Amino acid sequence: MDTIPLSQGDLRWVFPDVENPDAVRNVLCEADARIRALAEHLGVRASRTGSGLEFHRVQGIEAAGVFGFVEAAGVSFAADLYFPRRCLWDLRWGPSGR
């Protein structure tokens, strides 16, 4: 799995039809800053990339979620926003069908 920092990713990977991408980016940037601040306070790395929120890419498939976590002394703090897939081979972006 590849990890892509929020600042280097594309919001359309997760929100392909969003009408106001700046509003979504602003909220995600706020969450990103909080995760990084918590990691700094605890003296650990924020997520896999060390940069807070990140996109995940699996086997060349763009991410369908934004994830972030901080782990210290056996305690984990996690934030994620993703759309579950109905099955492992459901490769569509965005929310799964109803």
PDB file of N, CA and C in Angstrom:
ATOM      1  N   MET A   1       0.840  -1.170   0.000  1.00  0.00           N
ATOM      2  CA  MET A   1       0.000   0.000   0.000  1.00  0.00           C
ATOM      3  C   MET A   1       0.887   1.236   0.000  1.00  0.00           C
ATOM      4  N   ASP A   2       0.605   2.155  -0.900  1.00  0.00           N
ATOM      5  CA  ASP A   2       1.293   3.437  -0.928  1.00  0.00           C
ATOM      6  C   ASP A   2       0.482   4.439  -0.121  1.00  0.00           C
ATOM      7  N   THR A   3       1.177   5.358   0.516  1.00  0.00           N
ATOM      8  CA  THR A   3       0.504   6.431   1.235  1.00  0.00           C
ATOM      9  C   THR A   3       0.888   7.761   0.609  1.00  0.00           C
ATOM     10  N   ILE A   4      -0.093   8.627   0.431  1.00  0.00           N
ATOM     11  CA  ILE A   4       0.113   9.920  -0.193  1.00  0.00           C
ATOM     12  C   ILE A   4      -0.351  10.991   0.783  1.00  0.00           C
ATOM     13  N   PRO A   5       0.521  11.922   1.196  1.00  0.00           N
ATOM     14  CA  PRO A   5       0.092  12.976   2.105  1.00  0.00           C
ATOM     15  C   PRO A   5      -1.075  13.778   1.531  1.00  0.00           C
ATOM     16  N   LEU A   6      -1.913  14.297   2.398  1.00  0.00           N
ATOM     17  CA  LEU A   6      -3.079  15.083   1.980  1.00  0.00           C
ATOM     18  C   LEU A   6      -2.685  16.173   0.997  1.00  0.00           C
ATOM     19  N   SER A   7      -1.578  16.840   1.248  1.00  0.00           N
ATOM     20  CA  SER A   7      -1.157  17.961   0.402  1.00  0.00           C
ATOM     21  C   SER A   7      -0.756  17.540  -1.010  1.00  0.00           C
ATOM     22  N   GLN A   8      -0.456  16.262  -1.207  1.00  0.00           N
ATOM     23  CA  GLN A   8      -0.017  15.784  -2.519  1.00  0.00           C
ATOM     24  C   GLN A   8      -1.081  14.974  -3.244  1.00  0.00           C
ATOM     25  N   GLY A   9      -2.239  14.786  -2.598  1.00  0.00           N
ATOM     26  CA  GLY A   9      -3.295  13.975  -3.192  1.00  0.00           C
ATOM     27  C   GLY A   9      -4.334  14.813  -3.916  1.00  0.00           C
ATOM     28  N   ASP A  10      -5.336  14.147  -4.408  1.00  0.00           N
ATOM     29  CA  ASP A  10      -6.422  14.773  -5.155  1.00  0.00           C
ATOM     30  C   ASP A  10      -7.738  14.429  -4.469  1.00  0.00           C
ATOM     31  N   LEU A  11      -8.463  15.424  -4.016  1.00  0.00           N
ATOM     32  CA  LEU A  11      -9.731  15.182  -3.323  1.00  0.00           C
ATOM     33  C   LEU A  11     -10.735  14.415  -4.177  1.00  0.00           C
ATOM     34  N   ARG A  12     -10.607  14.497  -5.493  1.00  0.00           N
ATOM     35  CA  ARG A  12     -11.548  13.778  -6.370  1.00  0.00           C
ATOM     36  C   ARG A  12     -11.405  12.266  -6.252  1.00  0.00           C
ATOM     37  N   TRP A  13     -10.290  11.792  -5.680  1.00  0.00           N
ATOM     38  CA  TRP A  13     -10.147  10.356  -5.450  1.00  0.00           C
ATOM     39  C   TRP A  13     -11.215   9.866  -4.486  1.00  0.00           C
ATOM     40  N   VAL A  14     -11.594  10.707  -3.539  1.00  0.00           N
ATOM     41  CA  VAL A  14     -12.557  10.329  -2.512  1.00  0.00           C
ATOM     42  C   VAL A  14     -13.912  10.976  -2.752  1.00  0.00           C
ATOM     43  N   PHE A  15     -13.903  12.203  -3.256  1.00  0.00           N
ATOM     44  CA  PHE A  15     -15.132  12.972  -3.468  1.00  0.00           C
ATOM     45  C   PHE A  15     -15.245  13.372  -4.939  1.00  0.00           C
ATOM     46  N   PRO A  16     -15.552  12.431  -5.817  1.00  0.00           N
ATOM     47  CA  PRO A  16     -15.528  12.727  -7.257  1.00  0.00           C
ATOM     48  C   PRO A  16     -16.545  13.768  -7.698  1.00  0.00           C
ATOM     49  N   ASP A  17     -17.624  13.944  -6.974  1.00  0.00           N
ATOM     50  CA  ASP A  17     -18.674  14.866  -7.398  1.00  0.00           C
ATOM     51  C   ASP A  17     -18.871  16.045  -6.456  1.00  0.00           C
ATOM     52  N   VAL A  18     -17.895  16.342  -5.621  1.00  0.00           N
ATOM     53  CA  VAL A  18     -18.065  17.412  -4.640  1.00  0.00           C
ATOM     54  C   VAL A  18     -18.253  18.760  -5.363  1.00  0.00           C
ATOM     55  N   GLU A  19     -19.215  19.541  -4.881  1.00  0.00           N
ATOM     56  CA  GLU A  19     -19.514  20.823  -5.510  1.00  0.00           C
ATOM     57  C   GLU A  19     -18.603  21.942  -5.010  1.00  0.00           C
ATOM     58  N   ASN A  20     -18.125  21.828  -3.770  1.00  0.00           N
ATOM     59  CA  ASN A  20     -17.273  22.864  -3.208  1.00  0.00           C
ATOM     60  C   ASN A  20     -16.004  22.230  -2.630  1.00  0.00           C
ATOM     61  N   PRO A  21     -15.025  21.930  -3.499  1.00  0.00           N
ATOM     62  CA  PRO A  21     -13.825  21.244  -3.015  1.00  0.00           C
ATOM     63  C   PRO A  21     -13.042  22.054  -1.985  1.00  0.00           C
ATOM     64  N   ASP A  22     -13.098  23.388  -2.055  1.00  0.00           N
ATOM     65  CA  ASP A  22     -12.370  24.201  -1.084  1.00  0.00           C
ATOM     66  C   ASP A  22     -12.912  24.008   0.325  1.00  0.00           C
ATOM     67  N   ALA A  23     -14.221  23.873   0.476  1.00  0.00           N
ATOM     68  CA  ALA A  23     -14.823  23.659   1.795  1.00  0.00           C
ATOM     69  C   ALA A  23     -14.369  22.322   2.359  1.00  0.00           C
ATOM     70  N   VAL A  24     -14.345  21.291   1.526  1.00  0.00           N
ATOM     71  CA  VAL A  24     -13.898  19.966   1.968  1.00  0.00           C
ATOM     72  C   VAL A  24     -12.421  20.019   2.331  1.00  0.00           C
ATOM     73  N   ARG A  25     -11.611  20.651   1.494  1.00  0.00           N
ATOM     74  CA  ARG A  25     -10.171  20.746   1.765  1.00  0.00           C
ATOM     75  C   ARG A  25      -9.930  21.494   3.075  1.00  0.00           C
ATOM     76  N   ASN A  26     -10.682  22.559   3.343  1.00  0.00           N
ATOM     77  CA  ASN A  26     -10.496  23.321   4.578  1.00  0.00           C
ATOM     78  C   ASN A  26     -10.756  22.455   5.807  1.00  0.00           C
ATOM     79  N   VAL A  27     -11.817  21.668   5.780  1.00  0.00           N
ATOM     80  CA  VAL A  27     -12.133  20.795   6.911  1.00  0.00           C
ATOM     81  C   VAL A  27     -11.054  19.726   7.078  1.00  0.00           C
ATOM     82  N   LEU A  28     -10.621  19.130   5.986  1.00  0.00           N
ATOM     83  CA  LEU A  28      -9.579  18.111   6.062  1.00  0.00           C
ATOM     84  C   LEU A  28      -8.243  18.704   6.529  1.00  0.00           C
ATOM     85  N   CYS A  29      -7.933  19.913   6.117  1.00  0.00           N
ATOM     86  CA  CYS A  29      -6.697  20.552   6.560  1.00  0.00           C
ATOM     87  C   CYS A  29      -6.733  20.831   8.060  1.00  0.00           C
ATOM     88  N   GLU A  30      -7.898  21.178   8.583  1.00  0.00           N
ATOM     89  CA  GLU A  30      -8.025  21.385  10.023  1.00  0.00           C
ATOM     90  C   GLU A  30      -7.795  20.080  10.780  1.00  0.00           C
ATOM     91  N   ALA A  31      -8.394  18.990  10.303  1.00  0.00           N
ATOM     92  CA  ALA A  31      -8.183  17.685  10.933  1.00  0.00           C
ATOM     93  C   ALA A  31      -6.723  17.268  10.818  1.00  0.00           C
ATOM     94  N   ASP A  32      -6.119  17.528   9.676  1.00  0.00           N
ATOM     95  CA  ASP A  32      -4.713  17.219   9.443  1.00  0.00           C
ATOM     96  C   ASP A  32      -3.832  17.948  10.459  1.00  0.00           C
ATOM     97  N   ALA A  33      -4.094  19.225  10.678  1.00  0.00           N
ATOM     98  CA  ALA A  33      -3.304  20.009  11.633  1.00  0.00           C
ATOM     99  C   ALA A  33      -3.459  19.480  13.055  1.00  0.00           C
ATOM    100  N   ARG A  34      -4.660  19.044  13.410  1.00  0.00           N
ATOM    101  CA  ARG A  34      -4.878  18.503  14.752  1.00  0.00           C
ATOM    102  C   ARG A  34      -4.132  17.188  14.963  1.00  0.00           C
ATOM    103  N   ILE A  35      -4.131  16.344  13.961  1.00  0.00           N
ATOM    104  CA  ILE A  35      -3.413  15.067  14.067  1.00  0.00           C
ATOM    105  C   ILE A  35      -1.908  15.325  14.192  1.00  0.00           C
ATOM    106  N   ARG A  36      -1.390  16.249  13.387  1.00  0.00           N
ATOM    107  CA  ARG A  36       0.033  16.551  13.465  1.00  0.00           C
ATOM    108  C   ARG A  36       0.404  17.173  14.814  1.00  0.00           C
ATOM    109  N   ALA A  37      -0.468  18.037  15.341  1.00  0.00           N
ATOM    110  CA  ALA A  37      -0.204  18.656  16.648  1.00  0.00           C
ATOM    111  C   ALA A  37      -0.198  17.607  17.761  1.00  0.00           C
ATOM    112  N   LEU A  38      -1.139  16.658  17.708  1.00  0.00           N
ATOM    113  CA  LEU A  38      -1.183  15.592  18.707  1.00  0.00           C
ATOM    114  C   LEU A  38       0.088  14.749  18.640  1.00  0.00           C
ATOM    115  N   ALA A  39       0.504  14.402  17.431  1.00  0.00           N
ATOM    116  CA  ALA A  39       1.722  13.601  17.265  1.00  0.00           C
ATOM    117  C   ALA A  39       2.938  14.354  17.796  1.00  0.00           C
ATOM    118  N   GLU A  40       3.015  15.633  17.498  1.00  0.00           N
ATOM    119  CA  GLU A  40       4.141  16.429  17.992  1.00  0.00           C
ATOM    120  C   GLU A  40       4.139  16.476  19.522  1.00  0.00           C
ATOM    121  N   HIS A  41       2.969  16.660  20.101  1.00  0.00           N
ATOM    122  CA  HIS A  41       2.850  16.699  21.560  1.00  0.00           C
ATOM    123  C   HIS A  41       3.324  15.388  22.196  1.00  0.00           C
ATOM    124  N   LEU A  42       3.007  14.276  21.544  1.00  0.00           N
ATOM    125  CA  LEU A  42       3.384  12.962  22.065  1.00  0.00           C
ATOM    126  C   LEU A  42       4.790  12.534  21.639  1.00  0.00           C
ATOM    127  N   GLY A  43       5.407  13.310  20.753  1.00  0.00           N
ATOM    128  CA  GLY A  43       6.756  12.990  20.298  1.00  0.00           C
ATOM    129  C   GLY A  43       6.834  11.800  19.362  1.00  0.00           C
ATOM    130  N   VAL A  44       5.779  11.603  18.571  1.00  0.00           N
ATOM    131  CA  VAL A  44       5.745  10.483  17.625  1.00  0.00           C
ATOM    132  C   VAL A  44       5.410  10.997  16.230  1.00  0.00           C
ATOM    133  N   ARG A  45       5.388  10.082  15.310  1.00  0.00           N
ATOM    134  CA  ARG A  45       5.087  10.380  13.912  1.00  0.00           C
ATOM    135  C   ARG A  45       3.578  10.396  13.693  1.00  0.00           C
ATOM    136  N   ALA A  46       3.108  11.294  12.858  1.00  0.00           N
ATOM    137  CA  ALA A  46       1.687  11.364  12.509  1.00  0.00           C
ATOM    138  C   ALA A  46       1.436  10.539  11.253  1.00  0.00           C
ATOM    139  N   SER A  47       0.775   9.410  11.385  1.00  0.00           N
ATOM    140  CA  SER A  47       0.447   8.511  10.276  1.00  0.00           C
ATOM    141  C   SER A  47       1.695   7.899   9.669  1.00  0.00           C
ATOM    142  N   ARG A  48       1.531   7.187   8.590  1.00  0.00           N
ATOM    143  CA  ARG A  48       2.668   6.498   7.964  1.00  0.00           C
ATOM    144  C   ARG A  48       3.651   7.481   7.342  1.00  0.00           C
ATOM    145  N   THR A  49       3.118   8.553   6.734  1.00  0.00           N
ATOM    146  CA  THR A  49       3.979   9.508   6.042  1.00  0.00           C
ATOM    147  C   THR A  49       4.601  10.524   6.985  1.00  0.00           C
ATOM    148  N   GLY A  50       4.101  10.604   8.217  1.00  0.00           N
ATOM    149  CA  GLY A  50       4.580  11.615   9.147  1.00  0.00           C
ATOM    150  C   GLY A  50       3.960  12.971   8.904  1.00  0.00           C
ATOM    151  N   SER A  51       3.002  13.038   7.983  1.00  0.00           N
ATOM    152  CA  SER A  51       2.437  14.335   7.603  1.00  0.00           C
ATOM    153  C   SER A  51       0.972  14.502   7.977  1.00  0.00           C
ATOM    154  N   GLY A  52       0.437  13.654   8.820  1.00  0.00           N
ATOM    155  CA  GLY A  52      -0.972  13.801   9.211  1.00  0.00           C
ATOM    156  C   GLY A  52      -1.893  12.972   8.344  1.00  0.00           C
ATOM    157  N   LEU A  53      -2.954  13.582   7.843  1.00  0.00           N
ATOM    158  CA  LEU A  53      -3.897  12.843   7.001  1.00  0.00           C
ATOM    159  C   LEU A  53      -3.229  12.420   5.703  1.00  0.00           C
ATOM    160  N   GLU A  54      -3.670  11.281   5.186  1.00  0.00           N
ATOM    161  CA  GLU A  54      -3.076  10.756   3.965  1.00  0.00           C
ATOM    162  C   GLU A  54      -4.102   9.927   3.192  1.00  0.00           C
ATOM    163  N   PHE A  55      -3.855   9.810   1.908  1.00  0.00           N
ATOM    164  CA  PHE A  55      -4.629   8.929   1.044  1.00  0.00           C
ATOM    165  C   PHE A  55      -3.893   7.606   0.965  1.00  0.00           C
ATOM    166  N   HIS A  56      -4.622   6.535   0.740  1.00  0.00           N
ATOM    167  CA  HIS A  56      -3.999   5.217   0.554  1.00  0.00           C
ATOM    168  C   HIS A  56      -4.272   4.748  -0.869  1.00  0.00           C
ATOM    169  N   ARG A  57      -3.262   4.152  -1.468  1.00  0.00           N
ATOM    170  CA  ARG A  57      -3.395   3.596  -2.814  1.00  0.00           C
ATOM    171  C   ARG A  57      -2.974   2.140  -2.745  1.00  0.00           C
ATOM    172  N   VAL A  58      -3.818   1.255  -3.247  1.00  0.00           N
ATOM    173  CA  VAL A  58      -3.540  -0.175  -3.204  1.00  0.00           C
ATOM    174  C   VAL A  58      -3.464  -0.698  -4.630  1.00  0.00           C
ATOM    175  N   GLN A  59      -2.357  -1.318  -4.988  1.00  0.00           N
ATOM    176  CA  GLN A  59      -2.164  -1.963  -6.292  1.00  0.00           C
ATOM    177  C   GLN A  59      -2.604  -1.069  -7.442  1.00  0.00           C
ATOM    178  N   GLY A  60      -2.186   0.187  -7.420  1.00  0.00           N
ATOM    179  CA  GLY A  60      -2.482   1.099  -8.510  1.00  0.00           C
ATOM    180  C   GLY A  60      -3.886   1.676  -8.506  1.00  0.00           C
ATOM    181  N   ILE A  61      -4.684   1.347  -7.516  1.00  0.00           N
ATOM    182  CA  ILE A  61      -6.043   1.873  -7.418  1.00  0.00           C
ATOM    183  C   ILE A  61      -5.996   3.109  -6.540  1.00  0.00           C
ATOM    184  N   GLU A  62      -6.527   4.216  -7.028  1.00  0.00           N
ATOM    185  CA  GLU A  62      -6.516   5.427  -6.225  1.00  0.00           C
ATOM    186  C   GLU A  62      -7.352   5.233  -4.973  1.00  0.00           C
ATOM    187  N   ALA A  63      -7.085   6.033  -3.992  1.00  0.00           N
ATOM    188  CA  ALA A  63      -7.725   5.900  -2.691  1.00  0.00           C
ATOM    189  C   ALA A  63      -9.220   6.169  -2.749  1.00  0.00           C
ATOM    190  N   ALA A  64      -9.930   5.536  -1.859  1.00  0.00           N
ATOM    191  CA  ALA A  64     -11.346   5.821  -1.677  1.00  0.00           C
ATOM    192  C   ALA A  64     -11.556   6.329  -0.260  1.00  0.00           C
ATOM    193  N   GLY A  65     -10.508   6.873   0.346  1.00  0.00           N
ATOM    194  CA  GLY A  65     -10.622   7.383   1.700  1.00  0.00           C
ATOM    195  C   GLY A  65      -9.448   8.243   2.089  1.00  0.00           C
ATOM    196  N   VAL A  66      -9.627   8.959   3.197  1.00  0.00           N
ATOM    197  CA  VAL A  66      -8.579   9.779   3.799  1.00  0.00           C
ATOM    198  C   VAL A  66      -8.413   9.252   5.215  1.00  0.00           C
ATOM    199  N   PHE A  67      -7.178   9.006   5.615  1.00  0.00           N
ATOM    200  CA  PHE A  67      -6.906   8.363   6.890  1.00  0.00           C
ATOM    201  C   PHE A  67      -5.809   9.108   7.637  1.00  0.00           C
ATOM    202  N   GLY A  68      -5.819   8.983   8.947  1.00  0.00           N
ATOM    203  CA  GLY A  68      -4.754   9.539   9.763  1.00  0.00           C
ATOM    204  C   GLY A  68      -4.743   8.859  11.112  1.00  0.00           C
ATOM    205  N   PHE A  69      -3.567   8.746  11.718  1.00  0.00           N
ATOM    206  CA  PHE A  69      -3.499   8.134  13.042  1.00  0.00           C
ATOM    207  C   PHE A  69      -2.242   8.574  13.768  1.00  0.00           C
ATOM    208  N   VAL A  70      -2.298   8.434  15.075  1.00  0.00           N
ATOM    209  CA  VAL A  70      -1.160   8.684  15.960  1.00  0.00           C
ATOM    210  C   VAL A  70      -1.125   7.517  16.935  1.00  0.00           C
ATOM    211  N   GLU A  71       0.047   6.915  17.101  1.00  0.00           N
ATOM    212  CA  GLU A  71       0.208   5.814  18.050  1.00  0.00           C
ATOM    213  C   GLU A  71       1.344   6.143  19.004  1.00  0.00           C
ATOM    214  N   ALA A  72       1.067   5.967  20.297  1.00  0.00           N
ATOM    215  CA  ALA A  72       2.099   6.213  21.307  1.00  0.00           C
ATOM    216  C   ALA A  72       1.822   5.341  22.517  1.00  0.00           C
ATOM    217  N   ALA A  73       2.832   4.651  22.981  1.00  0.00           N
ATOM    218  CA  ALA A  73       2.753   3.838  24.202  1.00  0.00           C
ATOM    219  C   ALA A  73       1.546   2.907  24.221  1.00  0.00           C
ATOM    220  N   GLY A  74       1.273   2.268  23.084  1.00  0.00           N
ATOM    221  CA  GLY A  74       0.186   1.295  23.023  1.00  0.00           C
ATOM    222  C   GLY A  74      -1.198   1.893  22.886  1.00  0.00           C
ATOM    223  N   VAL A  75      -1.288   3.215  22.728  1.00  0.00           N
ATOM    224  CA  VAL A  75      -2.577   3.885  22.549  1.00  0.00           C
ATOM    225  C   VAL A  75      -2.623   4.452  21.137  1.00  0.00           C
ATOM    226  N   SER A  76      -3.750   4.259  20.450  1.00  0.00           N
ATOM    227  CA  SER A  76      -3.894   4.763  19.086  1.00  0.00           C
ATOM    228  C   SER A  76      -5.032   5.772  19.000  1.00  0.00           C
ATOM    229  N   PHE A  77      -4.791   6.821  18.262  1.00  0.00           N
ATOM    230  CA  PHE A  77      -5.815   7.800  17.926  1.00  0.00           C
ATOM    231  C   PHE A  77      -5.952   7.744  16.409  1.00  0.00           C
ATOM    232  N   ALA A  78      -7.164   7.558  15.914  1.00  0.00           N
ATOM    233  CA  ALA A  78      -7.352   7.405  14.471  1.00  0.00           C
ATOM    234  C   ALA A  78      -8.476   8.297  13.970  1.00  0.00           C
ATOM    235  N   ALA A  79      -8.308   8.752  12.729  1.00  0.00           N
ATOM    236  CA  ALA A  79      -9.347   9.503  12.038  1.00  0.00           C
ATOM    237  C   ALA A  79      -9.412   8.941  10.626  1.00  0.00           C
ATOM    238  N   ASP A  80     -10.587   8.625  10.172  1.00  0.00           N
ATOM    239  CA  ASP A  80     -10.705   8.159   8.797  1.00  0.00           C
ATOM    240  C   ASP A  80     -12.055   8.545   8.227  1.00  0.00           C
ATOM    241  N   LEU A  81     -12.025   8.783   6.947  1.00  0.00           N
ATOM    242  CA  LEU A  81     -13.220   9.116   6.191  1.00  0.00           C
ATOM    243  C   LEU A  81     -13.122   8.337   4.902  1.00  0.00           C
ATOM    244  N   TYR A  82     -13.987   7.354   4.749  1.00  0.00           N
ATOM    245  CA  TYR A  82     -13.902   6.519   3.562  1.00  0.00           C
ATOM    246  C   TYR A  82     -15.279   5.966   3.225  1.00  0.00           C
ATOM    247  N   PHE A  83     -15.364   5.434   2.055  1.00  0.00           N
ATOM    248  CA  PHE A  83     -16.593   4.820   1.600  1.00  0.00           C
ATOM    249  C   PHE A  83     -16.354   3.322   1.482  1.00  0.00           C
ATOM    250  N   PRO A  84     -17.031   2.526   2.289  1.00  0.00           N
ATOM    251  CA  PRO A  84     -16.798   1.082   2.228  1.00  0.00           C
ATOM    252  C   PRO A  84     -17.212   0.512   0.879  1.00  0.00           C
ATOM    253  N   ARG A  85     -16.495  -0.447   0.467  1.00  0.00           N
ATOM    254  CA  ARG A  85     -16.815  -1.145  -0.780  1.00  0.00           C
ATOM    255  C   ARG A  85     -17.674  -2.356  -0.441  1.00  0.00           C
ATOM    256  N   ARG A  86     -18.492  -2.743  -1.384  1.00  0.00           N
ATOM    257  CA  ARG A  86     -19.351  -3.898  -1.146  1.00  0.00           C
ATOM    258  C   ARG A  86     -18.560  -5.192  -1.139  1.00  0.00           C
ATOM    259  N   CYS A  87     -17.418  -5.197  -1.845  1.00  0.00           N
ATOM    260  CA  CYS A  87     -16.572  -6.380  -1.891  1.00  0.00           C
ATOM    261  C   CYS A  87     -15.166  -5.940  -2.290  1.00  0.00           C
ATOM    262  N   LEU A  88     -14.185  -6.822  -2.184  1.00  0.00           N
ATOM    263  CA  LEU A  88     -12.798  -6.460  -2.471  1.00  0.00           C
ATOM    264  C   LEU A  88     -12.571  -6.049  -3.923  1.00  0.00           C
ATOM    265  N   TRP A  89     -13.357  -6.533  -4.849  1.00  0.00           N
ATOM    266  CA  TRP A  89     -13.134  -6.219  -6.257  1.00  0.00           C
ATOM    267  C   TRP A  89     -14.012  -5.074  -6.747  1.00  0.00           C
ATOM    268  N   ASP A  90     -14.744  -4.416  -5.841  1.00  0.00           N
ATOM    269  CA  ASP A  90     -15.540  -3.238  -6.184  1.00  0.00           C
ATOM    270  C   ASP A  90     -14.585  -2.044  -6.214  1.00  0.00           C
ATOM    271  N   LEU A  91     -14.142  -1.639  -7.385  1.00  0.00           N
ATOM    272  CA  LEU A  91     -13.087  -0.640  -7.527  1.00  0.00           C
ATOM    273  C   LEU A  91     -13.604   0.776  -7.792  1.00  0.00           C
ATOM    274  N   ARG A  92     -14.909   0.985  -7.683  1.00  0.00           N
ATOM    275  CA  ARG A  92     -15.436   2.325  -7.969  1.00  0.00           C
ATOM    276  C   ARG A  92     -14.997   3.326  -6.921  1.00  0.00           C
ATOM    277  N   TRP A  93     -14.841   4.576  -7.353  1.00  0.00           N
ATOM    278  CA  TRP A  93     -14.521   5.683  -6.447  1.00  0.00           C
ATOM    279  C   TRP A  93     -15.807   6.139  -5.775  1.00  0.00           C
ATOM    280  N   GLY A  94     -15.669   6.811  -4.671  1.00  0.00           N
ATOM    281  CA  GLY A  94     -16.817   7.442  -4.016  1.00  0.00           C
ATOM    282  C   GLY A  94     -17.708   6.421  -3.327  1.00  0.00           C
ATOM    283  N   PRO A  95     -18.880   6.887  -2.896  1.00  0.00           N
ATOM    284  CA  PRO A  95     -19.784   6.019  -2.122  1.00  0.00           C
ATOM    285  C   PRO A  95     -20.214   4.790  -2.922  1.00  0.00           C
ATOM    286  N   SER A  96     -20.364   3.691  -2.233  1.00  0.00           N
ATOM    287  CA  SER A  96     -20.853   2.484  -2.902  1.00  0.00           C
ATOM    288  C   SER A  96     -22.355   2.630  -3.138  1.00  0.00           C
ATOM    289  N   GLY A  97     -22.866   1.902  -4.112  1.00  0.00           N
ATOM    290  CA  GLY A  97     -24.291   1.970  -4.444  1.00  0.00           C
ATOM    291  C   GLY A  97     -25.161   1.474  -3.298  1.00  0.00           C
ATOM    292  N   ARG A  98     -26.396   1.884  -3.308  1.00  0.00           N
ATOM    293  CA  ARG A  98     -27.325   1.475  -2.238  1.00  0.00           C
ATOM    294  C   ARG A  98     -28.049   0.219  -2.607  1.00  0.00           C
TER     295      ARG A  98
END
